[in-house]
Amino acid sequence: MSDATPDPAPITAEASAAPARAGGLPAVLRAMFRFAVERSAARVGLVGLVFCTVFAVIAGRLVTMALFPDDPTGTAQRAAAGASTAIRPDIVDRNGEILATDIRTVSLFAEPKNIYDKDEAVELLTAVLPGLNARELREKLSSKKGFVWVKREITPKQQAEVHRLGIPGIGFLPDHKRVYPNGVAAAHVLGFANLDNVGIAGIEKYIDKSGLKDLNSLGFIQRAADLAPVRLSLDLRAQHAVRDELVKGMEHFRAKAAAGLILDVVTGEVIALVSLPDFDPNEPADALHPDRINRMNVGVYEMGSTFKAVTTAMAIDSGKFTINSTFDTAGGVLRYGRQVIHEYHGTGRVLTVPEVFIHSSNIGSAKMALGVGVPGHKAFLKKMGLLDRMRTELPESAEPIVPARWSEINTITIAFGHGLAVAPIQAAAAVAALANGGELVTPTFLKRSEAEAHEKGARVISPQTSEALRFIMRMNAVHGSAKKSAIPGYFIGGKTGTAEKVINGRYAKNRLFTTFMAISPADKPRYLFLTIMDEPQPAPETFGYATAAWNSGTITGRIIERVGPVLGIPPRFEPPEKPFPQMVKLGAWGTR
């Protein structure tokens, strides 16, 4: 059958699989792509996790180092930088003149672990900085410390030369250097600061104790402008004049030492203080010499007849004596047990209170003190601040040497300035109180107003007693031992004092300590002047004498003449508007 329909071909496995292969290729690719993407995501996640872990470790390490630094080199360097950059305020005098200031400088340091050739480093550094000790430097660079100082406070030229050497492990730190542009001027008042700019003595130490050191350590002070200047009571002009006259006097009288003080009797401000020999605070090592002490604050001395001012004021203020009271000194000798009190220049007659002062009578002064009595005498000296250590801004001060057992013989000798040793500044403060109307004001080295001084003052004698003492001191400058300091026009009152020094427990007659105190103007005092000389010798014009009138008194007069115009004391050649009443008739006078 030609037209018969052929039988369909049988369907085989290959034929049935062909369409599946043709349409299944994209599905495989899609599966493979999904697999690859899944594997890549896992790898990316793993890499991200690794990076996150690394960064977390680094961040954690940085935080740990910041909070708990354990790198000895870094710690030492930071500590050194903190210590070397302490900032201090300027110190100025009462008129704003700079007495002490900071200048910026740099210091040289080394990190021994980073210096590979120690010998070469030592050779190069000592060539540029010849002041370095090669052996000590080699020991420093060989140490196991992370940080050592090589040289503090180098100059810009030295810094540039060291920088050119290019030594690994050598670096510079910013620093501050304390400088005193006026050299020795006011050295004992200013004191000095060490290499770390920390106050070691004087006002510098006082500033640190007042809180500066704590502020620096806590990082509150970043620049000098953050600190107001410390204004002192000193007048640099007067300071220079006092020192100049003391240097000349010390040389002329061949004295071992000398000192001078100007004190404002109203405010208690110290206008000038000089102690010779002195030192340059820019070279503080000089201050370590034992003869460089501040004789006004730290030295304690028997003040001789200047103490008779205190005795006279005590006698009058006690009410037991008046200015017209009399004392018999005719014998020239006062015996107490085995002790014999002599006069230096006896008059051989009865003396009034002013005459006792003017003739510097030991017997008259002793009888005044005995009339007041031992308890009253001791209480008065206590009230005057003469039995306790005087505290001022200067950390350096001395305790008076007071008799262990105080009997009548002690009262007798102390009445004329023997047997009680005090710091000269506290004796000056006592006499200032006797002259200013009767108010004891502790001296200060900081500028102070009259109102502030009055708040801190304490009344110790009556105004009437003070007026009587001013009159007596003025009469001593006109007729007595203070005459050599009586510069015309300045209306001076004063008192000399000569004490024999105690050597090996005995008084040495040829080794004297001389003192002179003066007030000006005597009718209304503003300033007290004190000059002391240690073991002055006779000069050609002194006729063999070495007592206070001839040396300390003469020097004080020259000081007053120079500083009077500076301090605004107007020369006055006419009698005062309210002259002192003529209370006594005055006779001859001595020079003790």
Protein backbone atom coordinates (compact mmCIF):
# COMPACT_ATOMS: atom_id res chain seq x y z
CA MET A 1 0.00 0.00 0.00
CA SER A 2 1.73 3.00 -1.42
CA ASP A 3 -0.50 5.51 0.16
CA ALA A 4 -0.52 3.85 3.47
CA THR A 5 0.78 6.01 6.39
CA PRO A 6 4.10 4.82 7.67
CA ASP A 7 4.36 3.76 11.22
CA PRO A 8 5.86 6.41 13.56
CA ALA A 9 9.47 5.89 14.52
CA PRO A 10 9.95 4.62 18.03
CA ILE A 11 11.01 7.19 20.69
CA THR A 12 14.41 6.35 22.14
CA ALA A 13 16.18 7.52 25.32
CA GLU A 14 18.60 9.73 23.36
CA ALA A 15 15.71 11.40 21.52
CA SER A 16 13.82 12.11 24.71
CA ALA A 17 17.01 13.55 26.40
CA ALA A 18 17.88 15.99 23.59
CA PRO A 19 15.34 18.67 24.47
CA ALA A 20 16.38 18.43 28.10
CA ARG A 21 20.07 19.13 27.27
CA ALA A 22 19.12 21.99 24.96
CA GLY A 23 17.01 23.76 27.58
CA GLY A 24 19.11 22.76 30.78
CA LEU A 25 22.40 24.65 30.05
CA PRO A 26 21.35 28.03 31.60
CA ALA A 27 20.15 26.35 34.76
CA VAL A 28 23.57 24.82 35.32
CA LEU A 29 25.25 28.19 34.81
CA ARG A 30 22.89 29.77 37.21
CA ALA A 31 23.67 27.15 39.79
CA MET A 32 27.38 27.55 39.27
CA PHE A 33 27.08 31.36 39.56
CA ARG A 34 25.14 31.07 42.76
CA PHE A 35 27.79 28.78 44.17
CA ALA A 36 30.59 31.17 43.20
CA VAL A 37 28.77 34.14 44.71
CA GLU A 38 28.19 32.28 47.93
CA ARG A 39 31.87 31.34 48.14
CA SER A 40 32.98 34.96 47.38
CA ALA A 41 30.67 36.36 50.03
CA ALA A 42 32.17 34.00 52.56
CA ARG A 43 35.70 35.06 51.56
CA VAL A 44 34.83 38.77 51.69
CA GLY A 45 33.26 38.30 55.06
CA LEU A 46 36.30 36.45 56.29
CA VAL A 47 38.66 39.15 54.98
CA GLY A 48 36.48 41.87 56.52
CA LEU A 49 36.45 40.02 59.80
CA VAL A 50 40.25 39.75 59.70
CA PHE A 51 40.63 43.48 58.97
CA CYS A 52 38.16 44.41 61.69
CA THR A 53 40.05 42.23 64.15
CA VAL A 54 43.39 43.84 63.20
CA PHE A 55 42.00 47.34 63.50
CA ALA A 56 40.34 46.47 66.81
CA VAL A 57 43.67 45.19 68.15
CA ILE A 58 45.48 48.35 66.99
CA ALA A 59 42.80 50.61 68.43
CA GLY A 60 42.83 48.71 71.69
CA ARG A 61 46.60 48.97 71.87
CA LEU A 62 46.48 52.72 71.27
CA VAL A 63 43.88 53.18 73.98
CA THR A 64 45.91 51.02 76.36
CA MET A 65 49.08 52.99 75.64
CA ALA A 66 47.26 56.25 76.25
CA LEU A 67 45.70 55.13 79.52
CA PHE A 68 48.50 52.90 80.80
CA PRO A 69 51.78 53.92 79.16
CA ASP A 70 54.36 51.23 79.60
CA ASP A 71 57.06 52.55 77.30
CA PRO A 72 59.89 53.60 79.60
CA THR A 73 61.47 55.86 76.98
CA GLY A 74 58.26 57.73 76.30
CA THR A 75 57.40 57.95 79.95
CA ALA A 76 60.80 59.33 80.90
CA GLN A 77 60.74 61.81 78.05
CA ARG A 78 57.28 63.06 78.97
CA ALA A 79 58.28 63.33 82.62
CA ALA A 80 61.42 65.25 81.72
CA ALA A 81 59.49 67.55 79.42
CA GLY A 82 56.98 68.27 82.16
CA ALA A 83 59.69 68.99 84.71
CA SER A 84 61.74 71.19 82.42
CA THR A 85 58.97 73.46 81.23
CA ALA A 86 57.65 74.77 84.56
CA ILE A 87 56.49 78.32 83.97
CA ARG A 88 57.05 81.06 86.52
CA PRO A 89 55.59 84.56 86.79
CA ASP A 90 57.72 87.65 86.43
CA ILE A 91 58.85 89.30 89.65
CA VAL A 92 58.83 93.10 89.55
CA ASP A 93 59.67 95.85 92.01
CA ARG A 94 57.09 98.34 93.32
CA ASN A 95 57.52 100.45 90.16
CA GLY A 96 57.18 97.56 87.71
CA GLU A 97 60.90 97.06 87.01
CA ILE A 98 61.72 93.44 86.12
CA LEU A 99 63.65 91.61 88.84
CA ALA A 100 63.18 88.04 87.58
CA THR A 101 61.72 86.58 84.37
CA ASP A 102 61.70 83.46 82.18
CA ILE A 103 63.32 83.10 78.77
CA ARG A 104 62.64 80.25 76.35
CA THR A 105 65.50 77.87 75.69
CA VAL A 106 66.07 74.21 74.80
CA SER A 107 67.74 71.28 76.54
CA LEU A 108 69.57 68.36 74.96
CA PHE A 109 68.57 64.76 75.73
CA ALA A 110 69.52 61.27 74.59
CA GLU A 111 67.79 57.91 74.27
CA PRO A 112 70.66 55.47 74.94
CA LYS A 113 68.88 52.48 73.35
CA ASN A 114 68.77 54.29 70.02
CA ILE A 115 72.45 55.28 70.00
CA TYR A 116 74.44 52.51 68.33
CA ASP A 117 77.96 53.95 68.43
CA LYS A 118 78.39 55.40 71.91
CA ASP A 119 82.05 56.36 71.47
CA GLU A 120 81.38 58.29 68.27
CA ALA A 121 78.44 60.10 69.89
CA VAL A 122 80.60 61.08 72.89
CA GLU A 123 83.39 62.31 70.62
CA LEU A 124 81.06 64.41 68.47
CA LEU A 125 79.07 65.89 71.35
CA THR A 126 82.10 66.86 73.44
CA ALA A 127 83.60 68.56 70.38
CA VAL A 128 80.52 70.76 70.04
CA LEU A 129 79.90 71.12 73.79
CA PRO A 130 83.37 71.23 75.38
CA GLY A 131 81.88 71.74 78.83
CA LEU A 132 80.63 68.15 78.88
CA ASN A 133 82.59 65.54 80.83
CA ALA A 134 83.39 62.74 78.37
CA ARG A 135 83.49 60.00 81.01
CA GLU A 136 80.18 61.00 82.57
CA LEU A 137 78.55 61.34 79.14
CA ARG A 138 79.73 57.85 78.12
CA GLU A 139 78.24 56.44 81.33
CA LYS A 140 74.93 58.15 80.58
CA LEU A 141 74.80 56.89 77.01
CA SER A 142 75.69 53.36 78.14
CA SER A 143 72.94 53.23 80.75
CA LYS A 144 69.79 51.15 80.36
CA LYS A 145 67.56 54.14 80.90
CA GLY A 146 65.23 55.13 78.14
CA PHE A 147 65.94 58.84 78.60
CA VAL A 148 68.88 60.87 79.94
CA TRP A 149 69.73 64.56 79.97
CA VAL A 150 72.88 65.47 78.07
CA LYS A 151 72.95 69.22 78.76
CA ARG A 152 70.31 71.59 80.06
CA GLU A 153 69.69 75.06 78.65
CA ILE A 154 71.91 75.13 75.57
CA THR A 155 72.24 78.16 73.31
CA PRO A 156 70.65 78.40 69.82
CA LYS A 157 74.13 78.15 68.28
CA GLN A 158 74.85 74.96 70.22
CA GLN A 159 71.48 73.54 69.22
CA ALA A 160 72.22 74.19 65.53
CA GLU A 161 75.68 72.56 65.78
CA VAL A 162 74.31 69.46 67.53
CA HIS A 163 71.48 69.24 65.00
CA ARG A 164 74.01 69.20 62.13
CA LEU A 165 75.75 66.20 63.70
CA GLY A 166 72.67 64.09 62.92
CA ILE A 167 73.24 61.60 65.75
CA PRO A 168 70.30 59.14 66.04
CA GLY A 169 68.82 59.09 69.53
CA ILE A 170 69.75 62.71 70.28
CA GLY A 171 66.97 65.28 70.55
CA PHE A 172 65.86 68.62 71.99
CA LEU A 173 63.12 69.60 74.41
CA PRO A 174 61.70 73.11 74.90
CA ASP A 175 62.70 74.55 78.26
CA HIS A 176 62.49 77.70 80.39
CA LYS A 177 65.45 79.40 82.04
CA ARG A 178 65.03 81.77 85.00
CA VAL A 179 67.09 84.92 84.61
CA TYR A 180 67.73 87.87 86.91
CA PRO A 181 68.57 90.85 84.70
CA ASN A 182 69.90 92.99 87.58
CA GLY A 183 72.41 90.42 88.78
CA VAL A 184 73.14 90.70 92.49
CA ALA A 185 70.41 93.29 93.12
CA ALA A 186 68.00 91.98 95.79
CA ALA A 187 69.56 88.51 95.60
CA HIS A 188 68.69 87.56 99.19
CA VAL A 189 65.09 88.62 98.70
CA LEU A 190 64.55 86.99 95.30
CA GLY A 191 66.36 83.74 96.05
CA PHE A 192 66.68 81.58 92.93
CA ALA A 193 65.18 78.71 90.93
CA ASN A 194 66.89 75.46 89.92
CA LEU A 195 67.30 73.92 86.44
CA ASP A 196 63.73 72.63 86.53
CA ASN A 197 62.52 76.19 87.28
CA VAL A 198 61.49 75.24 90.81
CA GLY A 199 61.97 77.91 93.49
CA ILE A 200 64.71 77.00 95.96
CA ALA A 201 64.99 80.07 98.19
CA GLY A 202 63.59 83.53 98.87
CA ILE A 203 60.52 84.87 97.11
CA GLU A 204 60.95 82.22 94.40
CA LYS A 205 60.31 79.50 96.98
CA TYR A 206 57.46 81.50 98.51
CA ILE A 207 55.75 81.66 95.08
CA ASP A 208 55.91 77.88 94.69
CA LYS A 209 54.55 77.31 98.19
CA SER A 210 51.69 79.67 97.36
CA GLY A 211 50.35 77.20 94.76
CA LEU A 212 52.43 77.73 91.61
CA LYS A 213 54.11 74.33 91.83
CA ASP A 214 50.75 72.52 92.05
CA LEU A 215 49.31 74.48 89.13
CA ASN A 216 52.34 73.64 86.98
CA SER A 217 52.23 69.94 87.87
CA LEU A 218 48.56 69.74 86.92
CA GLY A 219 49.19 71.45 83.59
CA PHE A 220 46.97 74.47 84.24
CA ILE A 221 49.70 76.93 83.20
CA GLN A 222 50.59 76.81 79.53
CA ARG A 223 52.23 80.20 79.01
CA ALA A 224 53.72 83.00 81.05
CA ALA A 225 50.86 85.30 80.06
CA ASP A 226 48.57 83.14 82.23
CA LEU A 227 50.34 84.47 85.34
CA ALA A 228 50.21 87.98 86.75
CA PRO A 229 53.58 89.43 87.84
CA VAL A 230 54.47 89.23 91.53
CA ARG A 231 54.92 92.83 92.67
CA LEU A 232 57.37 93.30 95.52
CA SER A 233 57.65 96.19 97.95
CA LEU A 234 61.28 96.77 96.94
CA ASP A 235 62.38 99.87 95.07
CA LEU A 236 65.20 98.87 92.72
CA ARG A 237 66.66 102.40 92.79
CA ALA A 238 66.92 102.42 96.58
CA GLN A 239 68.22 98.84 96.52
CA HIS A 240 71.08 99.84 94.25
CA ALA A 241 71.95 102.92 96.34
CA VAL A 242 72.01 100.97 99.63
CA ARG A 243 74.22 98.25 98.17
CA ASP A 244 76.60 100.75 96.62
CA GLU A 245 77.10 102.61 99.90
CA LEU A 246 77.51 99.37 101.85
CA VAL A 247 80.14 98.08 99.42
CA LYS A 248 82.11 101.31 99.78
CA GLY A 249 81.72 101.32 103.57
CA MET A 250 82.66 97.67 103.93
CA GLU A 251 85.83 98.27 101.96
CA HIS A 252 86.69 101.50 103.78
CA PHE A 253 86.24 100.04 107.26
CA ARG A 254 87.62 96.60 106.29
CA ALA A 255 84.59 94.85 107.74
CA LYS A 256 83.89 91.12 107.37
CA ALA A 257 80.27 91.74 106.37
CA ALA A 258 77.60 94.43 106.23
CA ALA A 259 73.87 94.74 105.74
CA GLY A 260 71.29 97.46 105.24
CA LEU A 261 67.52 97.81 105.39
CA ILE A 262 64.94 100.47 104.55
CA LEU A 263 61.54 99.85 106.12
CA ASP A 264 58.31 101.81 105.63
CA VAL A 265 57.23 102.31 109.25
CA VAL A 266 53.58 102.85 108.27
CA THR A 267 52.95 99.90 105.95
CA GLY A 268 55.75 97.58 107.05
CA GLU A 269 56.97 97.32 103.45
CA VAL A 270 60.65 96.48 102.96
CA ILE A 271 61.88 99.09 100.47
CA ALA A 272 65.45 97.77 100.29
CA LEU A 273 67.37 94.88 101.85
CA VAL A 274 71.05 94.20 101.22
CA SER A 275 73.35 91.68 102.86
CA LEU A 276 77.06 91.53 101.95
CA PRO A 277 78.75 89.41 100.79
CA ASP A 278 75.92 88.59 98.38
CA PHE A 279 75.62 86.41 95.27
CA ASP A 280 74.33 86.48 91.72
CA PRO A 281 71.10 84.42 91.50
CA ASN A 282 72.02 83.66 87.88
CA GLU A 283 74.86 81.59 89.43
CA PRO A 284 73.03 80.04 92.40
CA ALA A 285 75.99 77.86 93.41
CA ASP A 286 77.56 81.01 94.87
CA ALA A 287 74.74 81.16 97.43
CA LEU A 288 76.06 77.99 99.08
CA HIS A 289 79.04 79.79 100.62
CA PRO A 290 78.43 80.09 104.39
CA ASP A 291 79.19 83.85 104.42
CA ARG A 292 76.40 84.53 101.87
CA ILE A 293 73.57 84.28 104.42
CA ASN A 294 70.85 86.91 104.64
CA ARG A 295 72.09 88.70 107.74
CA MET A 296 68.86 90.66 108.13
CA ASN A 297 66.59 87.60 108.32
CA VAL A 298 68.77 84.61 109.14
CA GLY A 299 71.54 86.07 111.29
CA VAL A 300 70.82 86.65 115.00
CA TYR A 301 72.84 89.23 116.88
CA GLU A 302 72.99 91.19 120.09
CA MET A 303 71.88 94.58 118.83
CA GLY A 304 73.76 96.67 121.36
CA SER A 305 72.52 100.10 122.41
CA THR A 306 69.82 100.27 119.72
CA PHE A 307 67.87 98.13 122.21
CA LYS A 308 67.83 101.15 124.54
CA ALA A 309 65.06 102.56 122.35
CA VAL A 310 62.90 99.59 123.35
CA THR A 311 63.90 99.92 127.01
CA THR A 312 63.12 103.65 127.07
CA ALA A 313 59.72 103.17 125.42
CA MET A 314 58.89 100.37 127.87
CA ALA A 315 59.80 102.53 130.87
CA ILE A 316 57.65 105.47 129.75
CA ASP A 317 54.73 103.35 128.56
CA SER A 318 54.65 101.41 131.85
CA GLY A 319 53.57 104.57 133.65
CA LYS A 320 56.31 104.10 136.25
CA PHE A 321 58.52 106.73 134.64
CA THR A 322 58.04 109.94 132.68
CA ILE A 323 60.31 111.67 130.26
CA ASN A 324 61.53 113.85 133.13
CA SER A 325 62.35 110.95 135.47
CA THR A 326 65.97 110.85 136.66
CA PHE A 327 68.56 108.12 137.32
CA ASP A 328 71.73 108.40 139.33
CA THR A 329 74.76 107.25 137.34
CA ALA A 330 77.31 109.19 139.41
CA GLY A 331 79.32 106.14 140.45
CA GLY A 332 79.84 104.95 136.87
CA VAL A 333 79.35 101.36 138.06
CA LEU A 334 76.34 99.15 138.78
CA ARG A 335 77.05 96.00 140.82
CA TYR A 336 74.76 93.00 140.84
CA GLY A 337 76.25 90.07 142.72
CA ARG A 338 79.53 89.28 141.01
CA GLN A 339 78.49 91.17 137.88
CA VAL A 340 79.74 94.73 137.35
CA ILE A 341 78.08 97.01 134.77
CA HIS A 342 80.22 99.86 133.46
CA GLU A 343 79.47 102.96 131.41
CA TYR A 344 81.19 103.50 128.07
CA HIS A 345 81.28 107.30 128.42
CA GLY A 346 80.06 108.02 131.95
CA THR A 347 78.91 111.50 132.94
CA GLY A 348 79.24 111.02 136.68
CA ARG A 349 75.91 112.68 137.41
CA VAL A 350 72.14 112.25 137.55
CA LEU A 351 70.55 111.83 134.09
CA THR A 352 67.01 112.36 132.81
CA VAL A 353 65.38 109.77 130.54
CA PRO A 354 66.40 111.58 127.32
CA GLU A 355 69.94 112.04 128.66
CA VAL A 356 70.18 108.31 129.44
CA PHE A 357 69.36 107.72 125.76
CA ILE A 358 71.67 110.40 124.40
CA HIS A 359 74.62 109.43 126.61
CA SER A 360 73.81 105.76 125.94
CA SER A 361 73.97 105.04 129.66
CA ASN A 362 74.04 101.34 130.50
CA ILE A 363 73.36 102.06 134.18
CA GLY A 364 70.37 104.31 133.44
CA SER A 365 68.87 101.76 131.03
CA ALA A 366 69.39 98.93 133.52
CA LYS A 367 67.64 100.91 136.28
CA MET A 368 64.70 101.59 133.95
CA ALA A 369 64.29 97.87 133.25
CA LEU A 370 64.65 96.93 136.93
CA GLY A 371 61.99 99.51 137.75
CA VAL A 372 59.57 97.79 135.37
CA GLY A 373 60.54 94.36 136.76
CA VAL A 374 61.52 91.06 135.18
CA PRO A 375 57.94 89.88 134.35
CA GLY A 376 57.01 93.27 132.88
CA HIS A 377 60.24 93.48 130.89
CA LYS A 378 59.82 89.99 129.47
CA ALA A 379 56.14 90.62 128.64
CA PHE A 380 56.98 93.86 126.84
CA LEU A 381 59.66 92.23 124.68
CA LYS A 382 57.21 89.43 123.90
CA LYS A 383 54.61 91.98 122.83
CA MET A 384 57.19 93.67 120.62
CA GLY A 385 57.81 90.38 118.77
CA LEU A 386 61.40 90.08 120.01
CA LEU A 387 61.16 86.68 121.71
CA ASP A 388 59.69 84.67 118.81
CA ARG A 389 60.74 83.85 115.26
CA MET A 390 59.52 86.49 112.83
CA ARG A 391 57.63 85.06 109.86
CA THR A 392 57.65 86.96 106.55
CA GLU A 393 57.25 85.85 102.94
CA LEU A 394 60.88 84.77 102.93
CA PRO A 395 61.11 81.11 104.02
CA GLU A 396 64.49 81.80 105.61
CA SER A 397 64.25 83.14 109.15
CA ALA A 398 65.90 82.64 112.52
CA GLU A 399 64.76 81.96 116.06
CA PRO A 400 65.94 84.52 118.66
CA ILE A 401 68.42 83.31 121.26
CA VAL A 402 66.61 83.88 124.56
CA PRO A 403 68.02 83.20 128.06
CA ALA A 404 67.02 79.77 129.32
CA ARG A 405 66.52 81.21 132.82
CA TRP A 406 65.50 84.85 132.93
CA SER A 407 66.60 86.58 136.14
CA GLU A 408 67.29 90.17 137.10
CA ILE A 409 70.81 90.07 135.68
CA ASN A 410 69.32 89.10 132.31
CA THR A 411 66.93 92.03 132.48
CA ILE A 412 69.85 94.34 133.34
CA THR A 413 72.02 93.29 130.37
CA ILE A 414 69.17 92.98 127.86
CA ALA A 415 68.11 96.52 128.76
CA PHE A 416 71.24 97.85 127.04
CA GLY A 417 71.40 95.26 124.25
CA HIS A 418 73.36 92.27 125.58
CA GLY A 419 72.12 88.79 126.40
CA LEU A 420 69.34 88.57 123.79
CA ALA A 421 70.13 87.89 120.13
CA VAL A 422 67.51 88.64 117.46
CA ALA A 423 67.30 88.97 113.70
CA PRO A 424 67.99 92.61 112.76
CA ILE A 425 64.75 92.85 110.76
CA GLN A 426 62.65 92.09 113.84
CA ALA A 427 64.56 94.67 115.88
CA ALA A 428 63.85 97.16 113.06
CA ALA A 429 60.15 96.26 113.13
CA ALA A 430 60.05 96.90 116.90
CA VAL A 431 61.68 100.33 116.62
CA ALA A 432 59.39 101.16 113.66
CA ALA A 433 56.42 100.49 115.93
CA LEU A 434 57.87 102.81 118.57
CA ALA A 435 58.16 105.58 115.95
CA ASN A 436 54.96 105.20 113.90
CA GLY A 437 52.52 105.97 116.72
CA GLY A 438 52.72 102.64 118.53
CA GLU A 439 51.48 100.01 116.04
CA LEU A 440 53.56 96.87 115.44
CA VAL A 441 53.33 95.76 111.80
CA THR A 442 55.10 92.62 110.60
CA PRO A 443 57.43 93.51 107.71
CA THR A 444 56.42 92.40 104.23
CA PHE A 445 58.26 92.00 100.94
CA LEU A 446 55.04 92.40 98.93
CA LYS A 447 53.43 95.71 98.10
CA ARG A 448 50.86 96.64 100.75
CA SER A 449 48.51 99.56 101.34
CA GLU A 450 48.23 101.53 104.57
CA ALA A 451 44.74 100.14 105.13
CA GLU A 452 45.98 96.55 104.80
CA ALA A 453 48.84 97.26 107.18
CA HIS A 454 46.49 98.81 109.73
CA GLU A 455 44.28 95.69 109.65
CA LYS A 456 47.30 93.49 110.37
CA GLY A 457 48.87 95.80 112.96
CA ALA A 458 48.70 95.54 116.76
CA ARG A 459 49.00 98.43 119.19
CA VAL A 460 51.98 97.98 121.49
CA ILE A 461 52.50 101.44 123.03
CA SER A 462 50.44 104.60 123.33
CA PRO A 463 50.72 107.45 120.79
CA GLN A 464 52.04 109.68 123.58
CA THR A 465 54.90 107.26 124.31
CA SER A 466 55.67 107.10 120.60
CA GLU A 467 55.84 110.88 120.38
CA ALA A 468 58.19 111.03 123.35
CA LEU A 469 60.49 108.45 121.78
CA ARG A 470 60.54 110.33 118.46
CA PHE A 471 61.59 113.46 120.36
CA ILE A 472 64.36 111.59 122.15
CA MET A 473 65.66 110.03 118.91
CA ARG A 474 65.67 113.45 117.26
CA MET A 475 67.60 114.96 120.17
CA ASN A 476 70.16 112.18 119.81
CA ALA A 477 70.71 113.18 116.17
CA VAL A 478 71.12 116.83 117.17
CA HIS A 479 73.25 116.43 120.30
CA GLY A 480 74.17 112.75 120.66
CA SER A 481 75.83 109.78 119.03
CA ALA A 482 73.54 109.89 115.96
CA LYS A 483 74.91 113.30 114.96
CA LYS A 484 77.19 111.86 112.28
CA SER A 485 74.18 110.65 110.28
CA ALA A 486 72.24 113.91 110.59
CA ILE A 487 72.13 114.96 106.94
CA PRO A 488 70.94 118.59 106.74
CA GLY A 489 67.38 118.88 105.49
CA TYR A 490 66.15 115.40 106.37
CA PHE A 491 65.23 115.89 110.06
CA ILE A 492 66.70 112.57 111.19
CA GLY A 493 66.37 110.82 114.54
CA GLY A 494 68.47 107.82 115.44
CA LYS A 495 70.37 105.52 117.80
CA THR A 496 73.75 103.84 117.60
CA GLY A 497 74.52 100.36 118.93
CA THR A 498 77.89 98.68 119.52
CA ALA A 499 78.06 95.11 120.81
CA GLU A 500 81.07 92.96 121.51
CA LYS A 501 80.85 89.63 119.72
CA VAL A 502 80.79 86.42 121.72
CA ILE A 503 83.80 84.28 120.79
CA ASN A 504 84.17 80.88 122.49
CA GLY A 505 81.66 81.88 125.15
CA ARG A 506 83.37 85.18 126.04
CA TYR A 507 82.92 88.75 124.86
CA ALA A 508 85.79 89.87 122.61
CA LYS A 509 86.48 93.60 123.07
CA ASN A 510 88.29 93.95 119.74
CA ARG A 511 85.60 92.23 117.61
CA LEU A 512 82.59 94.50 117.38
CA PHE A 513 79.17 94.30 115.78
CA THR A 514 77.93 97.84 115.11
CA THR A 515 74.39 98.96 114.40
CA PHE A 516 72.68 102.20 113.52
CA MET A 517 68.94 102.89 113.27
CA ALA A 518 67.53 106.14 111.94
CA ILE A 519 64.02 107.47 111.27
CA SER A 520 63.06 110.26 108.88
CA PRO A 521 61.35 112.69 109.16
CA ALA A 522 61.67 112.39 112.94
CA ASP A 523 58.50 114.35 113.74
CA LYS A 524 56.36 112.20 111.42
CA PRO A 525 58.45 109.19 110.40
CA ARG A 526 57.89 107.40 107.12
CA TYR A 527 61.06 105.34 106.82
CA LEU A 528 63.42 103.52 109.14
CA PHE A 529 67.02 102.95 108.03
CA LEU A 530 69.14 100.19 109.55
CA THR A 531 72.82 99.56 108.90
CA ILE A 532 74.94 96.83 110.49
CA MET A 533 78.65 96.09 110.17
CA ASP A 534 80.45 92.96 111.29
CA GLU A 535 83.91 93.60 112.78
CA PRO A 536 84.63 97.00 111.24
CA GLN A 537 88.14 98.38 111.77
CA PRO A 538 89.22 101.93 112.63
CA ALA A 539 89.71 104.25 109.66
CA PRO A 540 92.07 107.24 109.39
CA GLU A 541 89.32 109.71 110.26
CA THR A 542 87.95 107.77 113.28
CA PHE A 543 90.88 108.45 115.68
CA GLY A 544 91.23 104.74 116.40
CA TYR A 545 87.53 104.17 117.17
CA ALA A 546 85.48 101.39 115.56
CA THR A 547 82.19 101.99 117.36
CA ALA A 548 78.86 102.44 115.54
CA ALA A 549 78.81 106.23 115.36
CA TRP A 550 81.98 106.23 113.26
CA ASN A 551 81.04 103.55 110.71
CA SER A 552 77.41 102.35 110.62
CA GLY A 553 76.18 105.84 111.50
CA THR A 554 78.25 107.52 108.78
CA ILE A 555 77.12 105.00 106.15
CA THR A 556 73.47 105.43 107.12
CA GLY A 557 73.77 109.18 106.62
CA ARG A 558 75.12 108.66 103.11
CA ILE A 559 72.31 106.24 102.32
CA ILE A 560 69.67 108.72 103.49
CA GLU A 561 71.24 111.48 101.44
CA ARG A 562 71.11 109.33 98.29
CA VAL A 563 67.70 107.71 98.63
CA GLY A 564 65.83 110.62 100.23
CA PRO A 565 64.92 112.18 96.85
CA VAL A 566 64.09 108.74 95.40
CA LEU A 567 61.69 107.96 98.25
CA GLY A 568 60.08 111.37 98.10
CA ILE A 569 61.39 112.71 101.41
CA PRO A 570 61.44 116.45 100.72
CA PRO A 571 64.48 118.29 102.10
CA ARG A 572 63.40 120.64 104.86
CA PHE A 573 65.62 123.41 106.15
CA GLU A 574 63.03 125.20 108.28
CA PRO A 575 61.76 124.03 111.69
CA PRO A 576 58.73 121.69 111.48
CA GLU A 577 55.27 123.22 111.67
CA LYS A 578 54.76 121.66 115.11
CA PRO A 579 58.20 121.53 116.74
CA PHE A 580 58.87 119.19 119.60
CA PRO A 581 58.56 120.83 123.01
CA GLN A 582 61.87 121.41 124.73
CA MET A 583 61.43 118.92 127.54
CA VAL A 584 64.98 118.73 128.86
CA LYS A 585 68.28 120.51 129.02
CA LEU A 586 70.91 118.51 127.25
CA GLY A 587 74.54 118.21 128.26
CA ALA A 588 77.61 116.60 126.70
CA TRP A 589 77.30 113.48 124.55
CA GLY A 590 79.28 110.35 123.87
CA THR A 591 79.94 108.34 120.72
CA ARG A 592 79.04 104.81 121.80
